[in-house]
Amino acid sequence: MTTTRADRPPLDDLLAGLLDPPPAPAAADVPAWWRLELARRQARPGASPFELAVAGGLEADRLGWALATGYQAALRSMIPDLPGDVPLAFCISEAGGNSPRAIQSTLEPEGDGFALSGEKRWSTLGPAAGLLLVAAREPQAPGATRPSIRLARVPAGAPGLEFIPMPEADFTPEVPHARIRLDRVPVPAGALLAGDAYELFVKPFRTIEDVLVTAGKLAYLLAEGGRRDWPRAWRERALAALLALHALAGSDRQAPAMHIALAGAMATWSALMAEATVFFEQGPQDEAARRWARDRRLFDIPFKVRAMRTERAWERVARAPGPR
């Protein structure tokens, strides 16, 4: 029996596209990227967040858009009922970091809802977002050992919400960031997501983001490798790494084995990225190559959280009871 294109799973078509990629559509700014993002979703109804991240990398003409699409996919993977017609921004970090004690933004009861006040230090895509997901603390209950953190849905045009522009970064400057000031922003009770936001959203997002953003970036490099005829051995390893990320996207996010495997996948990504840099340098010095030389500095940022996450996973394995 012959399998037709219509019978194949969506991911199979995406993987085939990565090996024989079409030219990537140009997108000079966030509005142009978002139009392409919406068209991708309309063309792939029912696609999983992983498939959307890969499609974004396949169709990106630069690393920044692969990163932005993976970021959107990660948020929608974590909270599936988020609206699909506006860009999203996850607003957690403050001057002291993003731990429960560092989050000083507050939700104060007001009328039938709350008033949200505080300041967020770094908001990816914040200035272009239509909806913000903002972490803030509720009044602490007597005897509580740490603040109760909730996640609020805040429309970008809400009164009392101010974006404070930040200078363009030295890498992926197309993806904007901003500080956010919140001055008694009204939040209806129904706009708060249920449960402890730190445990349910802040901590898991680090893992989800690593899987889906890396999948988008790896898909971007695979597509560039196909367009530039990079060595088959590199493309084989990159495709295998992408399929490993696909398996991790469906794994238990709490399991230590998942985090240990993710550390291995991230190490593989780092090696593939370093080799891709050499291929870019040896190939045509066109706009895509110049952008990569600029944007690869993103990977020089140390991510201590990943190392700590892996160490804790190994510790949990060591403490687990052995077979009886």
C-alpha atoms as a PDB file:
ATOM      1  CA  MET A   1       0.000   0.000   0.000  1.00  0.00           C
ATOM      2  CA  THR A   2       1.407   3.398  -0.984  1.00  0.00           C
ATOM      3  CA  THR A   3       1.227   6.198   1.580  1.00  0.00           C
ATOM      4  CA  THR A   4       0.121   9.467   0.022  1.00  0.00           C
ATOM      5  CA  ARG A   5       1.132  12.903   1.237  1.00  0.00           C
ATOM      6  CA  ALA A   6      -2.351  13.403   2.706  1.00  0.00           C
ATOM      7  CA  ASP A   7      -1.991  10.178   4.752  1.00  0.00           C
ATOM      8  CA  ARG A   8       1.350  11.088   6.319  1.00  0.00           C
ATOM      9  CA  PRO A   9       1.508  12.570   9.821  1.00  0.00           C
ATOM     10  CA  PRO A  10       2.223  16.337   9.795  1.00  0.00           C
ATOM     11  CA  LEU A  11       5.636  15.859  11.397  1.00  0.00           C
ATOM     12  CA  ASP A  12       6.734  13.562   8.566  1.00  0.00           C
ATOM     13  CA  ASP A  13       6.048  16.300   6.033  1.00  0.00           C
ATOM     14  CA  LEU A  14       7.947  18.812   8.161  1.00  0.00           C
ATOM     15  CA  LEU A  15      10.968  16.509   8.428  1.00  0.00           C
ATOM     16  CA  ALA A  16      10.915  15.968   4.665  1.00  0.00           C
ATOM     17  CA  GLY A  17      10.783  19.742   4.235  1.00  0.00           C
ATOM     18  CA  LEU A  18      13.823  20.189   6.465  1.00  0.00           C
ATOM     19  CA  LEU A  19      15.847  17.858   4.233  1.00  0.00           C
ATOM     20  CA  ASP A  20      14.724  19.585   1.020  1.00  0.00           C
ATOM     21  CA  PRO A  21      13.738  23.075   2.194  1.00  0.00           C
ATOM     22  CA  PRO A  22      12.164  25.808   0.096  1.00  0.00           C
ATOM     23  CA  PRO A  23      13.498  29.375   0.332  1.00  0.00           C
ATOM     24  CA  ALA A  24      12.485  30.989   3.620  1.00  0.00           C
ATOM     25  CA  PRO A  25      10.061  33.921   3.354  1.00  0.00           C
ATOM     26  CA  ALA A  26      11.640  37.194   4.433  1.00  0.00           C
ATOM     27  CA  ALA A  27      10.366  38.847   7.611  1.00  0.00           C
ATOM     28  CA  ALA A  28      12.011  42.104   8.597  1.00  0.00           C
ATOM     29  CA  ASP A  29      10.063  42.846  11.786  1.00  0.00           C
ATOM     30  CA  VAL A  30       7.668  41.391  14.345  1.00  0.00           C
ATOM     31  CA  PRO A  31       4.464  42.225  12.421  1.00  0.00           C
ATOM     32  CA  ALA A  32       5.815  40.431   9.342  1.00  0.00           C
ATOM     33  CA  TRP A  33       6.846  37.423  11.440  1.00  0.00           C
ATOM     34  CA  TRP A  34       3.459  37.325  13.165  1.00  0.00           C
ATOM     35  CA  ARG A  35       1.592  37.318   9.838  1.00  0.00           C
ATOM     36  CA  LEU A  36       3.647  34.275   8.811  1.00  0.00           C
ATOM     37  CA  GLU A  37       3.037  32.679  12.217  1.00  0.00           C
ATOM     38  CA  LEU A  38      -0.732  33.048  11.882  1.00  0.00           C
ATOM     39  CA  ALA A  39      -0.641  31.668   8.333  1.00  0.00           C
ATOM     40  CA  ARG A  40       1.330  28.642   9.576  1.00  0.00           C
ATOM     41  CA  ARG A  41      -1.301  27.865  12.186  1.00  0.00           C
ATOM     42  CA  GLN A  42      -4.159  28.277   9.755  1.00  0.00           C
ATOM     43  CA  ALA A  43      -2.427  25.910   7.340  1.00  0.00           C
ATOM     44  CA  ARG A  44      -1.892  23.314  10.111  1.00  0.00           C
ATOM     45  CA  PRO A  45      -5.096  23.042  12.144  1.00  0.00           C
ATOM     46  CA  GLY A  46      -4.603  20.736  15.081  1.00  0.00           C
ATOM     47  CA  ALA A  47      -0.791  20.846  14.864  1.00  0.00           C
ATOM     48  CA  SER A  48       1.033  20.144  18.120  1.00  0.00           C
ATOM     49  CA  PRO A  49       3.235  22.824  19.735  1.00  0.00           C
ATOM     50  CA  PHE A  50       6.289  20.797  18.692  1.00  0.00           C
ATOM     51  CA  GLU A  51       5.153  20.721  15.056  1.00  0.00           C
ATOM     52  CA  LEU A  52       4.532  24.476  15.127  1.00  0.00           C
ATOM     53  CA  ALA A  53       8.003  25.094  16.578  1.00  0.00           C
ATOM     54  CA  VAL A  54       9.592  22.995  13.828  1.00  0.00           C
ATOM     55  CA  ALA A  55       7.487  24.659  11.132  1.00  0.00           C
ATOM     56  CA  GLY A  56       8.596  28.045  12.451  1.00  0.00           C
ATOM     57  CA  GLY A  57      12.249  27.037  12.203  1.00  0.00           C
ATOM     58  CA  LEU A  58      11.784  25.597   8.721  1.00  0.00           C
ATOM     59  CA  GLU A  59      10.208  28.826   7.475  1.00  0.00           C
ATOM     60  CA  ALA A  60      12.419  31.300   9.378  1.00  0.00           C
ATOM     61  CA  ASP A  61      14.877  33.460   7.486  1.00  0.00           C
ATOM     62  CA  ARG A  62      16.824  34.138  10.707  1.00  0.00           C
ATOM     63  CA  LEU A  63      17.416  32.679  14.150  1.00  0.00           C
ATOM     64  CA  GLY A  64      15.270  35.280  15.929  1.00  0.00           C
ATOM     65  CA  TRP A  65      12.042  34.119  14.315  1.00  0.00           C
ATOM     66  CA  ALA A  66      12.798  30.466  15.081  1.00  0.00           C
ATOM     67  CA  LEU A  67      13.320  31.480  18.695  1.00  0.00           C
ATOM     68  CA  ALA A  68      10.114  33.563  18.779  1.00  0.00           C
ATOM     69  CA  THR A  69       7.984  30.775  17.316  1.00  0.00           C
ATOM     70  CA  GLY A  70       9.427  28.212  19.740  1.00  0.00           C
ATOM     71  CA  TYR A  71       8.682  30.590  22.620  1.00  0.00           C
ATOM     72  CA  GLN A  72       5.054  30.940  21.536  1.00  0.00           C
ATOM     73  CA  ALA A  73       4.758  27.168  21.120  1.00  0.00           C
ATOM     74  CA  ALA A  74       6.173  26.612  24.617  1.00  0.00           C
ATOM     75  CA  LEU A  75       3.624  28.933  26.217  1.00  0.00           C
ATOM     76  CA  ARG A  76       0.733  27.274  24.397  1.00  0.00           C
ATOM     77  CA  SER A  77       2.057  23.831  25.257  1.00  0.00           C
ATOM     78  CA  MET A  78       1.994  24.790  28.937  1.00  0.00           C
ATOM     79  CA  ILE A  79      -1.409  26.546  28.814  1.00  0.00           C
ATOM     80  CA  PRO A  80      -3.358  25.112  25.858  1.00  0.00           C
ATOM     81  CA  ASP A  81      -6.384  27.416  26.095  1.00  0.00           C
ATOM     82  CA  LEU A  82      -4.443  30.630  25.473  1.00  0.00           C
ATOM     83  CA  PRO A  83      -5.743  32.681  22.536  1.00  0.00           C
ATOM     84  CA  GLY A  84      -4.051  31.898  19.248  1.00  0.00           C
ATOM     85  CA  ASP A  85      -4.592  35.231  17.503  1.00  0.00           C
ATOM     86  CA  VAL A  86      -2.148  37.418  19.469  1.00  0.00           C
ATOM     87  CA  PRO A  87       1.519  37.123  20.491  1.00  0.00           C
ATOM     88  CA  LEU A  88       2.084  36.185  24.137  1.00  0.00           C
ATOM     89  CA  ALA A  89       4.641  37.335  26.700  1.00  0.00           C
ATOM     90  CA  PHE A  90       5.572  35.514  29.923  1.00  0.00           C
ATOM     91  CA  CYS A  91       6.397  38.158  32.548  1.00  0.00           C
ATOM     92  CA  ILE A  92       8.115  36.625  35.563  1.00  0.00           C
ATOM     93  CA  SER A  93      11.587  37.994  36.370  1.00  0.00           C
ATOM     94  CA  GLU A  94      12.113  41.038  38.559  1.00  0.00           C
ATOM     95  CA  ALA A  95      15.157  42.833  39.933  1.00  0.00           C
ATOM     96  CA  GLY A  96      15.892  39.999  42.370  1.00  0.00           C
ATOM     97  CA  GLY A  97      15.232  37.124  39.965  1.00  0.00           C
ATOM     98  CA  ASN A  98      12.254  34.840  39.438  1.00  0.00           C
ATOM     99  CA  SER A  99      12.016  32.782  42.628  1.00  0.00           C
ATOM    100  CA  PRO A 100       8.850  33.115  44.743  1.00  0.00           C
ATOM    101  CA  ARG A 101      10.627  35.422  47.187  1.00  0.00           C
ATOM    102  CA  ALA A 102      12.072  37.519  44.358  1.00  0.00           C
ATOM    103  CA  ILE A 103       8.638  38.151  42.830  1.00  0.00           C
ATOM    104  CA  GLN A 104       7.518  41.356  44.518  1.00  0.00           C
ATOM    105  CA  SER A 105       4.640  42.289  42.197  1.00  0.00           C
ATOM    106  CA  THR A 106       1.390  42.134  44.139  1.00  0.00           C
ATOM    107  CA  LEU A 107      -2.263  41.295  43.633  1.00  0.00           C
ATOM    108  CA  GLU A 108      -4.435  43.260  46.032  1.00  0.00           C
ATOM    109  CA  PRO A 109      -8.175  42.553  46.342  1.00  0.00           C
ATOM    110  CA  GLU A 110     -10.183  45.341  44.753  1.00  0.00           C
ATOM    111  CA  GLY A 111     -13.907  45.111  44.118  1.00  0.00           C
ATOM    112  CA  ASP A 112     -14.734  41.790  42.477  1.00  0.00           C
ATOM    113  CA  GLY A 113     -11.150  41.304  41.309  1.00  0.00           C
ATOM    114  CA  PHE A 114      -7.637  42.489  41.995  1.00  0.00           C
ATOM    115  CA  ALA A 115      -5.255  45.397  41.422  1.00  0.00           C
ATOM    116  CA  LEU A 116      -1.868  44.329  40.033  1.00  0.00           C
ATOM    117  CA  SER A 117       1.201  46.430  40.824  1.00  0.00           C
ATOM    118  CA  GLY A 118       4.934  45.964  40.367  1.00  0.00           C
ATOM    119  CA  GLU A 119       7.674  45.944  37.758  1.00  0.00           C
ATOM    120  CA  LYS A 120       9.026  43.177  35.532  1.00  0.00           C
ATOM    121  CA  ARG A 121      12.643  43.319  34.459  1.00  0.00           C
ATOM    122  CA  TRP A 122      12.673  41.449  31.165  1.00  0.00           C
ATOM    123  CA  SER A 123       9.743  40.633  28.915  1.00  0.00           C
ATOM    124  CA  THR A 124      10.493  38.778  25.662  1.00  0.00           C
ATOM    125  CA  LEU A 125       8.174  40.045  22.914  1.00  0.00           C
ATOM    126  CA  GLY A 126       6.454  42.168  25.561  1.00  0.00           C
ATOM    127  CA  PRO A 127       6.177  45.354  23.458  1.00  0.00           C
ATOM    128  CA  ALA A 128       4.600  43.346  20.612  1.00  0.00           C
ATOM    129  CA  ALA A 129       2.401  41.073  22.726  1.00  0.00           C
ATOM    130  CA  GLY A 130      -1.359  41.177  22.765  1.00  0.00           C
ATOM    131  CA  LEU A 131      -1.609  39.252  26.039  1.00  0.00           C
ATOM    132  CA  LEU A 132       0.774  39.171  29.003  1.00  0.00           C
ATOM    133  CA  LEU A 133       1.014  36.365  31.546  1.00  0.00           C
ATOM    134  CA  VAL A 134       2.166  38.116  34.713  1.00  0.00           C
ATOM    135  CA  ALA A 135       3.292  36.413  37.922  1.00  0.00           C
ATOM    136  CA  ALA A 136       2.479  38.209  41.163  1.00  0.00           C
ATOM    137  CA  ARG A 137       2.067  37.374  44.840  1.00  0.00           C
ATOM    138  CA  GLU A 138      -1.213  37.205  46.701  1.00  0.00           C
ATOM    139  CA  PRO A 139      -1.421  38.393  50.320  1.00  0.00           C
ATOM    140  CA  GLN A 140       0.510  35.777  52.309  1.00  0.00           C
ATOM    141  CA  ALA A 141      -1.618  33.584  54.516  1.00  0.00           C
ATOM    142  CA  PRO A 142      -0.683  33.321  58.221  1.00  0.00           C
ATOM    143  CA  GLY A 143       1.828  30.513  58.754  1.00  0.00           C
ATOM    144  CA  ALA A 144       2.732  30.213  55.045  1.00  0.00           C
ATOM    145  CA  THR A 145       6.405  29.451  54.445  1.00  0.00           C
ATOM    146  CA  ARG A 146       6.569  31.353  51.172  1.00  0.00           C
ATOM    147  CA  PRO A 147       4.399  33.734  49.160  1.00  0.00           C
ATOM    148  CA  SER A 148       1.540  32.374  47.082  1.00  0.00           C
ATOM    149  CA  ILE A 149       2.256  33.208  43.427  1.00  0.00           C
ATOM    150  CA  ARG A 150      -0.544  33.456  40.867  1.00  0.00           C
ATOM    151  CA  LEU A 151      -0.459  34.005  37.116  1.00  0.00           C
ATOM    152  CA  ALA A 152      -2.677  36.739  35.699  1.00  0.00           C
ATOM    153  CA  ARG A 153      -3.789  37.229  32.097  1.00  0.00           C
ATOM    154  CA  VAL A 154      -3.373  40.925  31.295  1.00  0.00           C
ATOM    155  CA  PRO A 155      -4.338  42.428  27.902  1.00  0.00           C
ATOM    156  CA  ALA A 156      -1.636  44.657  26.447  1.00  0.00           C
ATOM    157  CA  GLY A 157      -3.949  47.681  26.483  1.00  0.00           C
ATOM    158  CA  ALA A 158      -4.947  47.392  30.145  1.00  0.00           C
ATOM    159  CA  PRO A 159      -4.984  50.701  32.087  1.00  0.00           C
ATOM    160  CA  GLY A 160      -1.986  51.124  34.357  1.00  0.00           C
ATOM    161  CA  LEU A 161       0.272  48.964  32.172  1.00  0.00           C
ATOM    162  CA  GLU A 162       3.405  50.661  30.817  1.00  0.00           C
ATOM    163  CA  PHE A 163       6.145  49.258  28.586  1.00  0.00           C
ATOM    164  CA  ILE A 164       9.617  50.708  29.149  1.00  0.00           C
ATOM    165  CA  PRO A 165      11.731  50.132  26.016  1.00  0.00           C
ATOM    166  CA  MET A 166      15.088  48.430  26.353  1.00  0.00           C
ATOM    167  CA  PRO A 167      18.071  48.901  23.999  1.00  0.00           C
ATOM    168  CA  GLU A 168      18.329  46.348  21.206  1.00  0.00           C
ATOM    169  CA  ALA A 169      20.400  43.335  22.162  1.00  0.00           C
ATOM    170  CA  ASP A 170      23.619  42.553  20.314  1.00  0.00           C
ATOM    171  CA  PHE A 171      21.965  39.359  19.036  1.00  0.00           C
ATOM    172  CA  THR A 172      18.506  38.644  17.565  1.00  0.00           C
ATOM    173  CA  PRO A 173      17.670  42.380  17.760  1.00  0.00           C
ATOM    174  CA  GLU A 174      14.422  41.786  15.832  1.00  0.00           C
ATOM    175  CA  VAL A 175      12.919  40.117  18.925  1.00  0.00           C
ATOM    176  CA  PRO A 176      12.005  43.006  21.248  1.00  0.00           C
ATOM    177  CA  HIS A 177      12.262  43.079  25.038  1.00  0.00           C
ATOM    178  CA  ALA A 178      10.951  45.573  27.552  1.00  0.00           C
ATOM    179  CA  ARG A 179      10.622  46.296  31.213  1.00  0.00           C
ATOM    180  CA  ILE A 180       7.025  46.459  32.343  1.00  0.00           C
ATOM    181  CA  ARG A 181       5.557  48.751  34.989  1.00  0.00           C
ATOM    182  CA  LEU A 182       2.190  47.832  36.503  1.00  0.00           C
ATOM    183  CA  ASP A 183       0.309  50.473  38.480  1.00  0.00           C
ATOM    184  CA  ARG A 184      -2.880  49.033  39.953  1.00  0.00           C
ATOM    185  CA  VAL A 185      -3.767  47.254  36.726  1.00  0.00           C
ATOM    186  CA  PRO A 186      -7.315  45.874  37.086  1.00  0.00           C
ATOM    187  CA  VAL A 187      -7.432  42.061  36.960  1.00  0.00           C
ATOM    188  CA  PRO A 188     -10.828  40.314  37.023  1.00  0.00           C
ATOM    189  CA  ALA A 189     -10.943  37.254  39.270  1.00  0.00           C
ATOM    190  CA  GLY A 190     -11.524  35.069  36.204  1.00  0.00           C
ATOM    191  CA  ALA A 191      -8.247  36.275  34.666  1.00  0.00           C
ATOM    192  CA  LEU A 192      -6.184  34.450  37.308  1.00  0.00           C
ATOM    193  CA  LEU A 193      -5.048  30.946  36.396  1.00  0.00           C
ATOM    194  CA  ALA A 194      -5.834  28.346  39.013  1.00  0.00           C
ATOM    195  CA  GLY A 195      -3.122  26.956  41.271  1.00  0.00           C
ATOM    196  CA  ASP A 196       0.373  27.838  42.420  1.00  0.00           C
ATOM    197  CA  ALA A 197       1.901  29.668  39.468  1.00  0.00           C
ATOM    198  CA  TYR A 198       5.479  28.942  40.501  1.00  0.00           C
ATOM    199  CA  GLU A 199       4.991  25.170  40.647  1.00  0.00           C
ATOM    200  CA  LEU A 200       2.566  24.883  37.736  1.00  0.00           C
ATOM    201  CA  PHE A 201       4.005  27.410  35.288  1.00  0.00           C
ATOM    202  CA  VAL A 202       7.279  29.142  36.206  1.00  0.00           C
ATOM    203  CA  LYS A 203       9.332  26.010  36.972  1.00  0.00           C
ATOM    204  CA  PRO A 204       7.903  23.801  34.176  1.00  0.00           C
ATOM    205  CA  PHE A 205       8.312  26.545  31.571  1.00  0.00           C
ATOM    206  CA  ARG A 206      12.096  26.365  31.803  1.00  0.00           C
ATOM    207  CA  THR A 207      11.957  22.755  30.656  1.00  0.00           C
ATOM    208  CA  ILE A 208       9.248  23.237  28.025  1.00  0.00           C
ATOM    209  CA  GLU A 209      11.074  26.252  26.602  1.00  0.00           C
ATOM    210  CA  ASP A 210      14.360  24.359  26.341  1.00  0.00           C
ATOM    211  CA  VAL A 211      12.671  21.585  24.342  1.00  0.00           C
ATOM    212  CA  LEU A 212      10.542  23.668  21.978  1.00  0.00           C
ATOM    213  CA  VAL A 213      12.806  26.676  21.450  1.00  0.00           C
ATOM    214  CA  THR A 214      15.745  24.355  20.787  1.00  0.00           C
ATOM    215  CA  ALA A 215      13.564  22.387  18.346  1.00  0.00           C
ATOM    216  CA  GLY A 216      12.797  25.602  16.461  1.00  0.00           C
ATOM    217  CA  LYS A 217      16.450  26.667  16.381  1.00  0.00           C
ATOM    218  CA  LEU A 218      17.589  23.217  15.278  1.00  0.00           C
ATOM    219  CA  ALA A 219      14.934  23.154  12.540  1.00  0.00           C
ATOM    220  CA  TYR A 220      16.223  26.532  11.346  1.00  0.00           C
ATOM    221  CA  LEU A 221      19.772  25.197  11.106  1.00  0.00           C
ATOM    222  CA  LEU A 222      18.618  22.017   9.354  1.00  0.00           C
ATOM    223  CA  ALA A 223      16.776  24.086   6.772  1.00  0.00           C
ATOM    224  CA  GLU A 224      19.818  26.310   6.250  1.00  0.00           C
ATOM    225  CA  GLY A 225      21.958  23.178   5.974  1.00  0.00           C
ATOM    226  CA  GLY A 226      19.685  21.877   3.241  1.00  0.00           C
ATOM    227  CA  ARG A 227      19.762  25.153   1.329  1.00  0.00           C
ATOM    228  CA  ARG A 228      23.559  25.383   1.649  1.00  0.00           C
ATOM    229  CA  ASP A 229      24.327  21.697   1.086  1.00  0.00           C
ATOM    230  CA  TRP A 230      26.065  21.135   4.416  1.00  0.00           C
ATOM    231  CA  PRO A 231      27.597  17.663   4.979  1.00  0.00           C
ATOM    232  CA  ARG A 232      25.098  14.834   5.130  1.00  0.00           C
ATOM    233  CA  ALA A 233      26.672  13.464   8.318  1.00  0.00           C
ATOM    234  CA  TRP A 234      25.890  16.728  10.133  1.00  0.00           C
ATOM    235  CA  ARG A 235      22.325  16.786   8.819  1.00  0.00           C
ATOM    236  CA  GLU A 236      21.781  13.163   9.869  1.00  0.00           C
ATOM    237  CA  ARG A 237      22.902  13.941  13.419  1.00  0.00           C
ATOM    238  CA  ALA A 238      20.818  17.101  13.518  1.00  0.00           C
ATOM    239  CA  LEU A 239      17.709  15.257  12.377  1.00  0.00           C
ATOM    240  CA  ALA A 240      18.308  12.557  15.000  1.00  0.00           C
ATOM    241  CA  ALA A 241      18.655  15.263  17.664  1.00  0.00           C
ATOM    242  CA  LEU A 242      15.390  16.853  16.525  1.00  0.00           C
ATOM    243  CA  LEU A 243      13.567  13.533  16.831  1.00  0.00           C
ATOM    244  CA  ALA A 244      15.042  13.118  20.322  1.00  0.00           C
ATOM    245  CA  LEU A 245      13.536  16.494  21.243  1.00  0.00           C
ATOM    246  CA  HIS A 246      10.216  15.284  19.830  1.00  0.00           C
ATOM    247  CA  ALA A 247      10.314  12.337  22.224  1.00  0.00           C
ATOM    248  CA  LEU A 248      11.180  14.643  25.131  1.00  0.00           C
ATOM    249  CA  ALA A 249       8.286  16.962  24.241  1.00  0.00           C
ATOM    250  CA  GLY A 250       5.907  14.119  25.059  1.00  0.00           C
ATOM    251  CA  SER A 251       7.716  12.940  28.204  1.00  0.00           C
ATOM    252  CA  ASP A 252       6.840  13.457  31.862  1.00  0.00           C
ATOM    253  CA  ARG A 253       8.199  16.901  32.729  1.00  0.00           C
ATOM    254  CA  GLN A 254       8.616  15.906  36.369  1.00  0.00           C
ATOM    255  CA  ALA A 255      10.674  12.765  35.743  1.00  0.00           C
ATOM    256  CA  PRO A 256      14.411  13.014  36.512  1.00  0.00           C
ATOM    257  CA  ALA A 257      15.213  10.844  33.488  1.00  0.00           C
ATOM    258  CA  MET A 258      13.565  13.440  31.250  1.00  0.00           C
ATOM    259  CA  HIS A 259      15.803  16.213  32.615  1.00  0.00           C
ATOM    260  CA  ILE A 260      18.915  14.061  32.340  1.00  0.00           C
ATOM    261  CA  ALA A 261      18.065  13.209  28.735  1.00  0.00           C
ATOM    262  CA  LEU A 262      17.364  16.887  28.044  1.00  0.00           C
ATOM    263  CA  ALA A 263      20.849  17.763  29.308  1.00  0.00           C
ATOM    264  CA  GLY A 264      22.245  15.308  26.767  1.00  0.00           C
ATOM    265  CA  ALA A 265      20.077  16.784  24.014  1.00  0.00           C
ATOM    266  CA  MET A 266      21.269  20.299  24.878  1.00  0.00           C
ATOM    267  CA  ALA A 267      24.893  19.142  24.741  1.00  0.00           C
ATOM    268  CA  THR A 268      24.242  17.655  21.308  1.00  0.00           C
ATOM    269  CA  TRP A 269      22.627  20.927  20.216  1.00  0.00           C
ATOM    270  CA  SER A 270      25.706  22.866  21.391  1.00  0.00           C
ATOM    271  CA  ALA A 271      28.021  20.652  19.352  1.00  0.00           C
ATOM    272  CA  LEU A 272      25.825  20.894  16.240  1.00  0.00           C
ATOM    273  CA  MET A 273      25.598  24.662  16.619  1.00  0.00           C
ATOM    274  CA  ALA A 274      29.388  25.007  16.873  1.00  0.00           C
ATOM    275  CA  GLU A 275      29.848  22.960  13.686  1.00  0.00           C
ATOM    276  CA  ALA A 276      27.145  24.995  11.925  1.00  0.00           C
ATOM    277  CA  THR A 277      29.088  28.149  12.736  1.00  0.00           C
ATOM    278  CA  VAL A 278      32.076  26.753  10.857  1.00  0.00           C
ATOM    279  CA  PHE A 279      29.872  25.842   7.868  1.00  0.00           C
ATOM    280  CA  PHE A 280      28.439  29.365   7.785  1.00  0.00           C
ATOM    281  CA  GLU A 281      31.963  30.815   7.886  1.00  0.00           C
ATOM    282  CA  GLN A 282      33.133  28.573   5.055  1.00  0.00           C
ATOM    283  CA  GLY A 283      30.121  29.232   2.837  1.00  0.00           C
ATOM    284  CA  PRO A 284      28.725  32.281   1.022  1.00  0.00           C
ATOM    285  CA  GLN A 285      28.933  35.401   3.156  1.00  0.00           C
ATOM    286  CA  ASP A 286      25.361  36.457   2.488  1.00  0.00           C
ATOM    287  CA  GLU A 287      22.836  38.127   4.792  1.00  0.00           C
ATOM    288  CA  ALA A 288      21.901  34.874   6.523  1.00  0.00           C
ATOM    289  CA  ALA A 289      25.545  34.107   7.312  1.00  0.00           C
ATOM    290  CA  ARG A 290      26.113  37.618   8.655  1.00  0.00           C
ATOM    291  CA  ARG A 291      23.016  37.360  10.841  1.00  0.00           C
ATOM    292  CA  TRP A 292      24.202  34.014  12.231  1.00  0.00           C
ATOM    293  CA  ALA A 293      27.624  35.483  13.089  1.00  0.00           C
ATOM    294  CA  ARG A 294      25.789  38.193  15.039  1.00  0.00           C
ATOM    295  CA  ASP A 295      23.087  36.042  16.635  1.00  0.00           C
ATOM    296  CA  ARG A 296      25.175  33.061  17.738  1.00  0.00           C
ATOM    297  CA  ARG A 297      26.429  35.226  20.621  1.00  0.00           C
ATOM    298  CA  LEU A 298      23.103  34.383  22.243  1.00  0.00           C
ATOM    299  CA  PHE A 299      24.590  30.972  23.071  1.00  0.00           C
ATOM    300  CA  ASP A 300      27.465  32.504  25.028  1.00  0.00           C
ATOM    301  CA  ILE A 301      25.051  33.388  27.857  1.00  0.00           C
ATOM    302  CA  PRO A 302      25.551  30.933  30.746  1.00  0.00           C
ATOM    303  CA  PHE A 303      22.405  29.095  31.806  1.00  0.00           C
ATOM    304  CA  LYS A 304      23.054  28.066  35.407  1.00  0.00           C
ATOM    305  CA  VAL A 305      19.451  26.909  35.830  1.00  0.00           C
ATOM    306  CA  ARG A 306      20.011  24.070  33.344  1.00  0.00           C
ATOM    307  CA  ALA A 307      23.044  22.784  35.241  1.00  0.00           C
ATOM    308  CA  MET A 308      21.188  22.984  38.550  1.00  0.00           C
ATOM    309  CA  ARG A 309      18.164  21.188  37.072  1.00  0.00           C
ATOM    310  CA  THR A 310      20.361  18.348  35.815  1.00  0.00           C
ATOM    311  CA  GLU A 311      22.199  18.052  39.127  1.00  0.00           C
ATOM    312  CA  ARG A 312      18.905  17.834  41.027  1.00  0.00           C
ATOM    313  CA  ALA A 313      17.683  15.157  38.608  1.00  0.00           C
ATOM    314  CA  TRP A 314      20.779  13.028  39.259  1.00  0.00           C
ATOM    315  CA  GLU A 315      20.323  13.527  42.998  1.00  0.00           C
ATOM    316  CA  ARG A 316      16.736  12.297  42.756  1.00  0.00           C
ATOM    317  CA  VAL A 317      17.937   9.216  40.871  1.00  0.00           C
ATOM    318  CA  ALA A 318      20.539   8.531  43.570  1.00  0.00           C
ATOM    319  CA  ARG A 319      17.926   8.846  46.345  1.00  0.00           C
ATOM    320  CA  ALA A 320      15.357   6.638  44.599  1.00  0.00           C
ATOM    321  CA  PRO A 321      14.960   3.171  46.149  1.00  0.00           C
ATOM    322  CA  GLY A 322      16.503   0.380  44.115  1.00  0.00           C
ATOM    323  CA  PRO A 323      14.726  -2.758  42.925  1.00  0.00           C
ATOM    324  CA  ARG A 324      13.582  -5.122  45.611  1.00  0.00           C
END
